[in-house]
PDB file of N, CA and C in Angstrom:
ATOM      1  N   MET A   1      73.197  88.842 126.486  1.00  0.00           N
ATOM      2  CA  MET A   1      71.860  88.560 125.994  1.00  0.00           C
ATOM      3  C   MET A   1      71.621  87.061 126.119  1.00  0.00           C
ATOM      4  N   ALA A   2      70.700  86.695 126.957  1.00  0.00           N
ATOM      5  CA  ALA A   2      70.383  85.284 127.170  1.00  0.00           C
ATOM      6  C   ALA A   2      69.202  84.892 126.287  1.00  0.00           C
ATOM      7  N   LEU A   3      69.368  83.806 125.590  1.00  0.00           N
ATOM      8  CA  LEU A   3      68.300  83.314 124.724  1.00  0.00           C
ATOM      9  C   LEU A   3      67.426  82.327 125.483  1.00  0.00           C
ATOM     10  N   GLU A   4      66.169  82.364 125.190  1.00  0.00           N
ATOM     11  CA  GLU A   4      65.205  81.442 125.784  1.00  0.00           C
ATOM     12  C   GLU A   4      64.985  80.261 124.847  1.00  0.00           C
ATOM     13  N   LYS A   5      64.242  79.270 125.337  1.00  0.00           N
ATOM     14  CA  LYS A   5      63.925  78.084 124.545  1.00  0.00           C
ATOM     15  C   LYS A   5      63.192  78.474 123.263  1.00  0.00           C
ATOM     16  N   ALA A   6      62.250  79.397 123.363  1.00  0.00           N
ATOM     17  CA  ALA A   6      61.471  79.825 122.197  1.00  0.00           C
ATOM     18  C   ALA A   6      62.365  80.505 121.155  1.00  0.00           C
ATOM     19  N   ASP A   7      63.377  81.258 121.631  1.00  0.00           N
ATOM     20  CA  ASP A   7      64.302  81.914 120.706  1.00  0.00           C
ATOM     21  C   ASP A   7      65.086  80.887 119.895  1.00  0.00           C
ATOM     22  N   VAL A   8      65.580  79.855 120.572  1.00  0.00           N
ATOM     23  CA  VAL A   8      66.353  78.810 119.900  1.00  0.00           C
ATOM     24  C   VAL A   8      65.473  78.064 118.906  1.00  0.00           C
ATOM     25  N   GLU A   9      64.234  77.773 119.281  1.00  0.00           N
ATOM     26  CA  GLU A   9      63.329  77.082 118.368  1.00  0.00           C
ATOM     27  C   GLU A   9      63.032  77.937 117.140  1.00  0.00           C
ATOM     28  N   ARG A  10      62.877  79.242 117.344  1.00  0.00           N
ATOM     29  CA  ARG A  10      62.617  80.144 116.208  1.00  0.00           C
ATOM     30  C   ARG A  10      63.827  80.222 115.287  1.00  0.00           C
ATOM     31  N   ILE A  11      65.019  80.336 115.868  1.00  0.00           N
ATOM     32  CA  ILE A  11      66.244  80.382 115.061  1.00  0.00           C
ATOM     33  C   ILE A  11      66.388  79.092 114.263  1.00  0.00           C
ATOM     34  N   ALA A  12      66.140  77.974 114.898  1.00  0.00           N
ATOM     35  CA  ALA A  12      66.239  76.682 114.210  1.00  0.00           C
ATOM     36  C   ALA A  12      65.221  76.601 113.083  1.00  0.00           C
ATOM     37  N   HIS A  13      64.018  77.102 113.324  1.00  0.00           N
ATOM     38  CA  HIS A  13      62.992  77.091 112.283  1.00  0.00           C
ATOM     39  C   HIS A  13      63.408  77.967 111.104  1.00  0.00           C
ATOM     40  N   LEU A  14      63.902  79.169 111.389  1.00  0.00           N
ATOM     41  CA  LEU A  14      64.318  80.083 110.325  1.00  0.00           C
ATOM     42  C   LEU A  14      65.482  79.514 109.518  1.00  0.00           C
ATOM     43  N   ALA A  15      66.373  78.785 110.191  1.00  0.00           N
ATOM     44  CA  ALA A  15      67.527  78.180 109.517  1.00  0.00           C
ATOM     45  C   ALA A  15      67.187  76.824 108.928  1.00  0.00           C
ATOM     46  N   ARG A  16      65.940  76.403 109.111  1.00  0.00           N
ATOM     47  CA  ARG A  16      65.476  75.103 108.619  1.00  0.00           C
ATOM     48  C   ARG A  16      66.330  73.963 109.161  1.00  0.00           C
ATOM     49  N   LEU A  17      66.605  74.040 110.472  1.00  0.00           N
ATOM     50  CA  LEU A  17      67.388  73.012 111.151  1.00  0.00           C
ATOM     51  C   LEU A  17      66.480  72.216 112.067  1.00  0.00           C
ATOM     52  N   GLY A  18      66.659  70.929 112.052  1.00  0.00           N
ATOM     53  CA  GLY A  18      65.944  70.080 112.990  1.00  0.00           C
ATOM     54  C   GLY A  18      66.826  69.838 114.208  1.00  0.00           C
ATOM     55  N   ILE A  19      66.340  70.190 115.384  1.00  0.00           N
ATOM     56  CA  ILE A  19      67.136  69.982 116.604  1.00  0.00           C
ATOM     57  C   ILE A  19      66.316  69.177 117.600  1.00  0.00           C
ATOM     58  N   ASP A  20      67.010  68.392 118.412  1.00  0.00           N
ATOM     59  CA  ASP A  20      66.356  67.622 119.463  1.00  0.00           C
ATOM     60  C   ASP A  20      65.959  68.551 120.599  1.00  0.00           C
ATOM     61  N   THR A  21      64.802  68.311 121.177  1.00  0.00           N
ATOM     62  CA  THR A  21      64.343  69.160 122.286  1.00  0.00           C
ATOM     63  C   THR A  21      65.258  69.027 123.498  1.00  0.00           C
ATOM     64  N   ASP A  22      65.939  67.891 123.614  1.00  0.00           N
ATOM     65  CA  ASP A  22      66.857  67.711 124.745  1.00  0.00           C
ATOM     66  C   ASP A  22      68.083  68.612 124.624  1.00  0.00           C
ATOM     67  N   ASP A  23      68.417  69.035 123.406  1.00  0.00           N
ATOM     68  CA  ASP A  23      69.622  69.830 123.182  1.00  0.00           C
ATOM     69  C   ASP A  23      69.365  71.331 123.194  1.00  0.00           C
ATOM     70  N   ILE A  24      68.122  71.742 123.326  1.00  0.00           N
ATOM     71  CA  ILE A  24      67.789  73.166 123.237  1.00  0.00           C
ATOM     72  C   ILE A  24      68.496  73.982 124.315  1.00  0.00           C
ATOM     73  N   ALA A  25      68.586  73.458 125.519  1.00  0.00           N
ATOM     74  CA  ALA A  25      69.258  74.195 126.609  1.00  0.00           C
ATOM     75  C   ALA A  25      70.728  74.428 126.270  1.00  0.00           C
ATOM     76  N   ASP A  26      71.391  73.420 125.703  1.00  0.00           N
ATOM     77  CA  ASP A  26      72.803  73.574 125.325  1.00  0.00           C
ATOM     78  C   ASP A  26      72.952  74.605 124.210  1.00  0.00           C
ATOM     79  N   TYR A  27      72.054  74.544 123.221  1.00  0.00           N
ATOM     80  CA  TYR A  27      72.100  75.523 122.137  1.00  0.00           C
ATOM     81  C   TYR A  27      71.879  76.938 122.676  1.00  0.00           C
ATOM     82  N   ALA A  28      70.936  77.095 123.571  1.00  0.00           N
ATOM     83  CA  ALA A  28      70.645  78.411 124.144  1.00  0.00           C
ATOM     84  C   ALA A  28      71.877  78.953 124.876  1.00  0.00           C
ATOM     85  N   ARG A  29      72.538  78.105 125.646  1.00  0.00           N
ATOM     86  CA  ARG A  29      73.741  78.530 126.373  1.00  0.00           C
ATOM     87  C   ARG A  29      74.859  78.916 125.398  1.00  0.00           C
ATOM     88  N   ASP A  30      75.086  78.073 124.384  1.00  0.00           N
ATOM     89  CA  ASP A  30      76.170  78.343 123.432  1.00  0.00           C
ATOM     90  C   ASP A  30      75.893  79.593 122.604  1.00  0.00           C
ATOM     91  N   LEU A  31      74.672  79.725 122.101  1.00  0.00           N
ATOM     92  CA  LEU A  31      74.332  80.906 121.300  1.00  0.00           C
ATOM     93  C   LEU A  31      74.371  82.181 122.139  1.00  0.00           C
ATOM     94  N   SER A  32      73.932  82.094 123.400  1.00  0.00           N
ATOM     95  CA  SER A  32      73.999  83.253 124.291  1.00  0.00           C
ATOM     96  C   SER A  32      75.449  83.670 124.509  1.00  0.00           C
ATOM     97  N   GLY A  33      76.338  82.697 124.633  1.00  0.00           N
ATOM     98  CA  GLY A  33      77.762  82.998 124.788  1.00  0.00           C
ATOM     99  C   GLY A  33      78.329  83.690 123.564  1.00  0.00           C
ATOM    100  N   ILE A  34      77.925  83.237 122.401  1.00  0.00           N
ATOM    101  CA  ILE A  34      78.387  83.854 121.154  1.00  0.00           C
ATOM    102  C   ILE A  34      77.884  85.301 121.061  1.00  0.00           C
ATOM    103  N   LEU A  35      76.610  85.505 121.369  1.00  0.00           N
ATOM    104  CA  LEU A  35      76.054  86.858 121.319  1.00  0.00           C
ATOM    105  C   LEU A  35      76.709  87.774 122.345  1.00  0.00           C
ATOM    106  N   GLU A  36      77.042  87.245 123.509  1.00  0.00           N
ATOM    107  CA  GLU A  36      77.738  88.028 124.530  1.00  0.00           C
ATOM    108  C   GLU A  36      79.124  88.427 124.030  1.00  0.00           C
ATOM    109  N   LEU A  37      79.817  87.525 123.354  1.00  0.00           N
ATOM    110  CA  LEU A  37      81.127  87.848 122.805  1.00  0.00           C
ATOM    111  C   LEU A  37      81.011  88.957 121.756  1.00  0.00           C
ATOM    112  N   VAL A  38      79.987  88.896 120.907  1.00  0.00           N
ATOM    113  CA  VAL A  38      79.777  89.926 119.895  1.00  0.00           C
ATOM    114  C   VAL A  38      79.500  91.268 120.572  1.00  0.00           C
ATOM    115  N   GLU A  39      78.682  91.275 121.606  1.00  0.00           N
ATOM    116  CA  GLU A  39      78.403  92.519 122.341  1.00  0.00           C
ATOM    117  C   GLU A  39      79.685  93.070 122.965  1.00  0.00           C
ATOM    118  N   GLN A  40      80.503  92.184 123.513  1.00  0.00           N
ATOM    119  CA  GLN A  40      81.768  92.599 124.123  1.00  0.00           C
ATOM    120  C   GLN A  40      82.692  93.212 123.066  1.00  0.00           C
ATOM    121  N   MET A  41      82.765  92.618 121.887  1.00  0.00           N
ATOM    122  CA  MET A  41      83.612  93.163 120.825  1.00  0.00           C
ATOM    123  C   MET A  41      83.062  94.491 120.313  1.00  0.00           C
ATOM    124  N   ASN A  42      81.737  94.650 120.289  1.00  0.00           N
ATOM    125  CA  ASN A  42      81.147  95.919 119.851  1.00  0.00           C
ATOM    126  C   ASN A  42      81.439  97.049 120.828  1.00  0.00           C
ATOM    127  N   ARG A  43      81.689  96.723 122.102  1.00  0.00           N
ATOM    128  CA  ARG A  43      81.980  97.747 123.098  1.00  0.00           C
ATOM    129  C   ARG A  43      83.423  98.247 123.024  1.00  0.00           C
ATOM    130  N   VAL A  44      84.293  97.557 122.317  1.00  0.00           N
ATOM    131  CA  VAL A  44      85.698  97.959 122.220  1.00  0.00           C
ATOM    132  C   VAL A  44      85.814  99.220 121.380  1.00  0.00           C
ATOM    133  N   ASP A  45      86.592 100.189 121.883  1.00  0.00           N
ATOM    134  CA  ASP A  45      86.805 101.438 121.156  1.00  0.00           C
ATOM    135  C   ASP A  45      87.821 101.190 120.046  1.00  0.00           C
ATOM    136  N   THR A  46      87.380 101.295 118.799  1.00  0.00           N
ATOM    137  CA  THR A  46      88.254 101.068 117.651  1.00  0.00           C
ATOM    138  C   THR A  46      88.534 102.364 116.898  1.00  0.00           C
ATOM    139  N   GLU A  47      88.269 103.487 117.541  1.00  0.00           N
ATOM    140  CA  GLU A  47      88.520 104.780 116.912  1.00  0.00           C
ATOM    141  C   GLU A  47      90.012 104.936 116.644  1.00  0.00           C
ATOM    142  N   GLY A  48      90.345 105.260 115.410  1.00  0.00           N
ATOM    143  CA  GLY A  48      91.743 105.469 115.048  1.00  0.00           C
ATOM    144  C   GLY A  48      92.492 104.193 114.689  1.00  0.00           C
ATOM    145  N   VAL A  49      91.819 103.052 114.718  1.00  0.00           N
ATOM    146  CA  VAL A  49      92.461 101.792 114.352  1.00  0.00           C
ATOM    147  C   VAL A  49      92.246 101.569 112.860  1.00  0.00           C
ATOM    148  N   GLU A  50      93.350 101.409 112.140  1.00  0.00           N
ATOM    149  CA  GLU A  50      93.257 101.230 110.699  1.00  0.00           C
ATOM    150  C   GLU A  50      92.866  99.792 110.379  1.00  0.00           C
ATOM    151  N   PRO A  51      91.856  99.598 109.504  1.00  0.00           N
ATOM    152  CA  PRO A  51      91.462  98.234 109.130  1.00  0.00           C
ATOM    153  C   PRO A  51      92.605  97.518 108.423  1.00  0.00           C
ATOM    154  N   MET A  52      92.649  96.207 108.632  1.00  0.00           N
ATOM    155  CA  MET A  52      93.701  95.405 108.015  1.00  0.00           C
ATOM    156  C   MET A  52      93.079  94.411 107.044  1.00  0.00           C
ATOM    157  N   ALA A  53      93.784  94.128 105.965  1.00  0.00           N
ATOM    158  CA  ALA A  53      93.327  93.117 105.018  1.00  0.00           C
ATOM    159  C   ALA A  53      93.690  91.728 105.513  1.00  0.00           C
ATOM    160  N   HIS A  54      94.692  91.648 106.380  1.00  0.00           N
ATOM    161  CA  HIS A  54      95.159  90.363 106.883  1.00  0.00           C
ATOM    162  C   HIS A  54      95.714  90.596 108.281  1.00  0.00           C
ATOM    163  N   PRO A  55      95.534  89.658 109.214  1.00  0.00           N
ATOM    164  CA  PRO A  55      95.993  89.894 110.584  1.00  0.00           C
ATOM    165  C   PRO A  55      97.511  89.904 110.734  1.00  0.00           C
ATOM    166  N   LEU A  56      98.229  89.396 109.772  1.00  0.00           N
ATOM    167  CA  LEU A  56      99.686  89.392 109.841  1.00  0.00           C
ATOM    168  C   LEU A  56     100.243  90.461 108.918  1.00  0.00           C
ATOM    169  N   GLU A  57     101.206  91.214 109.407  1.00  0.00           N
ATOM    170  CA  GLU A  57     101.849  92.248 108.595  1.00  0.00           C
ATOM    171  C   GLU A  57     102.893  91.590 107.707  1.00  0.00           C
ATOM    172  N   MET A  58     102.444  91.080 106.574  1.00  0.00           N
ATOM    173  CA  MET A  58     103.352  90.417 105.655  1.00  0.00           C
ATOM    174  C   MET A  58     103.117  90.966 104.257  1.00  0.00           C
ATOM    175  N   ALA A  59     104.178  91.045 103.491  1.00  0.00           N
ATOM    176  CA  ALA A  59     104.043  91.452 102.103  1.00  0.00           C
ATOM    177  C   ALA A  59     103.746  90.214 101.270  1.00  0.00           C
ATOM    178  N   GLN A  60     102.898  90.385 100.286  1.00  0.00           N
ATOM    179  CA  GLN A  60     102.547  89.282  99.405  1.00  0.00           C
ATOM    180  C   GLN A  60     103.702  89.015  98.451  1.00  0.00           C
ATOM    181  N   ARG A  61     104.157  87.764  98.430  1.00  0.00           N
ATOM    182  CA  ARG A  61     105.213  87.408  97.490  1.00  0.00           C
ATOM    183  C   ARG A  61     104.586  87.231  96.114  1.00  0.00           C
ATOM    184  N   LEU A  62     105.067  87.981  95.172  1.00  0.00           N
ATOM    185  CA  LEU A  62     104.542  87.900  93.820  1.00  0.00           C
ATOM    186  C   LEU A  62     105.651  87.460  92.880  1.00  0.00           C
ATOM    187  N   ARG A  63     105.292  86.673  91.905  1.00  0.00           N
ATOM    188  CA  ARG A  63     106.274  86.281  90.898  1.00  0.00           C
ATOM    189  C   ARG A  63     106.377  87.394  89.879  1.00  0.00           C
ATOM    190  N   PRO A  64     107.502  87.476  89.198  1.00  0.00           N
ATOM    191  CA  PRO A  64     107.632  88.500  88.156  1.00  0.00           C
ATOM    192  C   PRO A  64     106.606  88.262  87.047  1.00  0.00           C
ATOM    193  N   ASP A  65     106.079  89.338  86.502  1.00  0.00           N
ATOM    194  CA  ASP A  65     105.095  89.237  85.431  1.00  0.00           C
ATOM    195  C   ASP A  65     105.840  89.120  84.107  1.00  0.00           C
ATOM    196  N   GLU A  66     106.227  87.888  83.794  1.00  0.00           N
ATOM    197  CA  GLU A  66     107.002  87.634  82.590  1.00  0.00           C
ATOM    198  C   GLU A  66     106.316  86.556  81.767  1.00  0.00           C
ATOM    199  N   VAL A  67     106.459  86.634  80.450  1.00  0.00           N
ATOM    200  CA  VAL A  67     105.940  85.599  79.564  1.00  0.00           C
ATOM    201  C   VAL A  67     106.866  84.392  79.686  1.00  0.00           C
ATOM    202  N   THR A  68     106.290  83.232  80.016  1.00  0.00           N
ATOM    203  CA  THR A  68     107.109  82.030  80.172  1.00  0.00           C
ATOM    204  C   THR A  68     106.764  80.975  79.134  1.00  0.00           C
ATOM    205  N   GLU A  69     105.692  81.158  78.413  1.00  0.00           N
ATOM    206  CA  GLU A  69     105.270  80.200  77.394  1.00  0.00           C
ATOM    207  C   GLU A  69     105.438  80.836  76.012  1.00  0.00           C
ATOM    208  N   THR A  70     105.717  80.008  75.059  1.00  0.00           N
ATOM    209  CA  THR A  70     105.806  80.513  73.688  1.00  0.00           C
ATOM    210  C   THR A  70     104.410  80.521  73.063  1.00  0.00           C
ATOM    211  N   ASN A  71     104.217  81.366  72.075  1.00  0.00           N
ATOM    212  CA  ASN A  71     102.932  81.465  71.388  1.00  0.00           C
ATOM    213  C   ASN A  71     102.763  80.251  70.468  1.00  0.00           C
ATOM    214  N   GLN A  72     101.804  79.389  70.781  1.00  0.00           N
ATOM    215  CA  GLN A  72     101.552  78.193  69.985  1.00  0.00           C
ATOM    216  C   GLN A  72     100.171  78.230  69.332  1.00  0.00           C
ATOM    217  N   ARG A  73      99.675  79.430  69.093  1.00  0.00           N
ATOM    218  CA  ARG A  73      98.334  79.605  68.549  1.00  0.00           C
ATOM    219  C   ARG A  73      98.165  78.882  67.210  1.00  0.00           C
ATOM    220  N   GLU A  74      99.104  79.064  66.311  1.00  0.00           N
ATOM    221  CA  GLU A  74      99.006  78.437  64.994  1.00  0.00           C
ATOM    222  C   GLU A  74      98.977  76.911  65.116  1.00  0.00           C
ATOM    223  N   LYS A  75      99.791  76.367  65.976  1.00  0.00           N
ATOM    224  CA  LYS A  75      99.848  74.915  66.177  1.00  0.00           C
ATOM    225  C   LYS A  75      98.487  74.386  66.637  1.00  0.00           C
ATOM    226  N   PHE A  76      97.883  75.081  67.612  1.00  0.00           N
ATOM    227  CA  PHE A  76      96.598  74.614  68.149  1.00  0.00           C
ATOM    228  C   PHE A  76      95.465  74.821  67.143  1.00  0.00           C
ATOM    229  N   GLN A  77      95.523  75.890  66.380  1.00  0.00           N
ATOM    230  CA  GLN A  77      94.455  76.128  65.418  1.00  0.00           C
ATOM    231  C   GLN A  77      94.541  75.183  64.223  1.00  0.00           C
ATOM    232  N   ARG A  78      95.726  74.659  63.938  1.00  0.00           N
ATOM    233  CA  ARG A  78      95.854  73.681  62.856  1.00  0.00           C
ATOM    234  C   ARG A  78      95.090  72.399  63.174  1.00  0.00           C
ATOM    235  N   ILE A  79      95.021  72.023  64.450  1.00  0.00           N
ATOM    236  CA  ILE A  79      94.352  70.772  64.825  1.00  0.00           C
ATOM    237  C   ILE A  79      92.900  70.989  65.248  1.00  0.00           C
ATOM    238  N   ALA A  80      92.447  72.244  65.263  1.00  0.00           N
ATOM    239  CA  ALA A  80      91.059  72.535  65.637  1.00  0.00           C
ATOM    240  C   ALA A  80      90.128  72.139  64.496  1.00  0.00           C
ATOM    241  N   PRO A  81      88.917  71.679  64.810  1.00  0.00           N
ATOM    242  CA  PRO A  81      87.980  71.291  63.752  1.00  0.00           C
ATOM    243  C   PRO A  81      87.616  72.439  62.820  1.00  0.00           C
ATOM    244  N   ARG A  82      87.331  73.624  63.377  1.00  0.00           N
ATOM    245  CA  ARG A  82      86.943  74.762  62.534  1.00  0.00           C
ATOM    246  C   ARG A  82      87.532  76.049  63.106  1.00  0.00           C
ATOM    247  N   VAL A  83      88.180  76.818  62.244  1.00  0.00           N
ATOM    248  CA  VAL A  83      88.784  78.094  62.626  1.00  0.00           C
ATOM    249  C   VAL A  83      88.479  79.102  61.531  1.00  0.00           C
ATOM    250  N   GLU A  84      88.188  80.329  61.925  1.00  0.00           N
ATOM    251  CA  GLU A  84      87.950  81.392  60.945  1.00  0.00           C
ATOM    252  C   GLU A  84      88.494  82.694  61.500  1.00  0.00           C
ATOM    253  N   ALA A  85      89.354  83.356  60.758  1.00  0.00           N
ATOM    254  CA  ALA A  85      89.937  84.649  61.141  1.00  0.00           C
ATOM    255  C   ALA A  85      90.612  84.586  62.511  1.00  0.00           C
ATOM    256  N   GLY A  86      91.274  83.472  62.785  1.00  0.00           N
ATOM    257  CA  GLY A  86      91.984  83.321  64.051  1.00  0.00           C
ATOM    258  C   GLY A  86      91.107  82.963  65.235  1.00  0.00           C
ATOM    259  N   LEU A  87      89.827  82.686  65.007  1.00  0.00           N
ATOM    260  CA  LEU A  87      88.893  82.346  66.084  1.00  0.00           C
ATOM    261  C   LEU A  87      88.436  80.902  65.929  1.00  0.00           C
ATOM    262  N   TYR A  88      88.196  80.241  67.045  1.00  0.00           N
ATOM    263  CA  TYR A  88      87.663  78.882  67.028  1.00  0.00           C
ATOM    264  C   TYR A  88      86.162  78.954  66.803  1.00  0.00           C
ATOM    265  N   LEU A  89      85.646  78.171  65.875  1.00  0.00           N
ATOM    266  CA  LEU A  89      84.210  78.127  65.615  1.00  0.00           C
ATOM    267  C   LEU A  89      83.640  76.918  66.351  1.00  0.00           C
ATOM    268  N   VAL A  90      82.572  77.164  67.090  1.00  0.00           N
ATOM    269  CA  VAL A  90      81.931  76.103  67.874  1.00  0.00           C
ATOM    270  C   VAL A  90      80.460  76.048  67.528  1.00  0.00           C
ATOM    271  N   PRO A  91      79.808  74.908  67.790  1.00  0.00           N
ATOM    272  CA  PRO A  91      78.369  74.820  67.502  1.00  0.00           C
ATOM    273  C   PRO A  91      77.573  75.775  68.382  1.00  0.00           C
ATOM    274  N   LYS A  92      76.470  76.250  67.871  1.00  0.00           N
ATOM    275  CA  LYS A  92      75.573  77.120  68.618  1.00  0.00           C
ATOM    276  C   LYS A  92      74.955  76.336  69.768  1.00  0.00           C
ATOM    277  N   VAL A  93      75.004  76.899  70.965  1.00  0.00           N
ATOM    278  CA  VAL A  93      74.516  76.205  72.142  1.00  0.00           C
ATOM    279  C   VAL A  93      73.113  76.675  72.528  1.00  0.00           C
ATOM    280  N   ILE A  94      72.902  77.973  72.467  1.00  0.00           N
ATOM    281  CA  ILE A  94      71.602  78.551  72.855  1.00  0.00           C
ATOM    282  C   ILE A  94      70.879  79.004  71.593  1.00  0.00           C
ATOM    283  N   GLU A  95      69.635  78.606  71.488  1.00  0.00           N
ATOM    284  CA  GLU A  95      68.849  78.992  70.316  1.00  0.00           C
ATOM    285  C   GLU A  95      67.995  80.194  70.604  1.00  0.00           C
TER     286      GLU A  95
END
């Protein structure tokens, strides 16, 4: 699919991009190449190909789900300005 000068100007207008008129031919060539690549990829038969979440077949390394910190809730609530029933009280923000 080859783009014309008017197509590039319309795309630039829709994207709110300012482009130099001298560069329109280069943009048309580059965008036409991109669209041709997309058309070429759409023609590939992908029937029976399982979608992948990642292009590399690797297992995600996960750390063990273990508690590594001690509970310091009481310590932090002792230094808080206002606490009630184990909750921090803060000033009202939205009226």
